[in-house]
Amino acid sequence: MDIRGPSATPLLAARALTRLLPGRRGETARAAVDNLSLTLQPGDVLGLLGLNGAGKSTTLRLLSGCLSPHAGQVHIDGHDLQDEPLAARAALGYLADTPALYDDLRVTDQLTLAARLRRVPNTGIVEAVAVAIEACGLSEVARRRCGALSKGFRQRVGLAQAIVHEPRVLLLDEPSSGLDPQQMEEMRALVRRLGERRAVILSSHLLGEVQACCTRIAVMHRGALRLDRSLEAADDGGESLAALFGRLVSDEVPS
């Protein structure tokens, strides 16, 4: 079935995504991601919460095309990720939990390389790099080598690399991991700004981070999506988000 609707095409649409892990000898395979479906529109910033091993990073790798699902579909900006991979990935920016940077390259050179790999036209590369540097607050380190940057600035360079081609969808895997409190707040403010006209998924195990910069909350546990609702609706439910999260990631079957 084609999951693209006749109108108001979501920027990201996933249907029944499943990725299996091989079982040990004599055991059946288990699902790292189990029948996951979600959609995002412009302005949606989805906080993907879960304990370690819940399937968050695997989900982002499936949505980015780094992993192939054993079942299910992904559409990015209306393009099927399997049938139209180049068009789908052109609309997608992905920040892995550890940014892939060349330590001997200067920040501007790293971003120029990323722009070329993302097929930004030659005539637009200088401007694209300048826009990404400005958006991510990298002006003061633009001429430094990536290997000499702090953890916070390396995360920013990774994010600038993910947006240098102006994607409409951003996938961010633990973008605040390892940052100090000030760096975390700066990263969250940056994510809020980037999400104003894009669709963003931010993977985290920190409830406070999701509350600070997301419009929606989704909770994964043991590979399954147990909750997907707006933060406003979650706040109005009469149960604290911390209590709701704790109940959903317990080993009890959710009601």
Foldseek 3Di string as FASTA:
>chain_A
DDPADPDQGFQKWKFQFWAWDCDDVPDHIATLAGGDTDTHHQLAEEEEAEDPSLNQLVVLCCQLVVDPTPDIWMAGHRHTCVPCVLVRNLQEFEQHPQFDFDQADALLVRLLVLCVVSVPDPVCSVVLSVVLCVLLVNVVRRGPGLNPDDPLVVLSSSVSSRCSSPHQEYEAEPSCPPPDPVSLVSVLVSLQVSRNGHHYYYYDNDPVSCVSRGQWYWYGENNYTPDIDGPVVVVPPPDDPVVVNVVSHDPDDDD
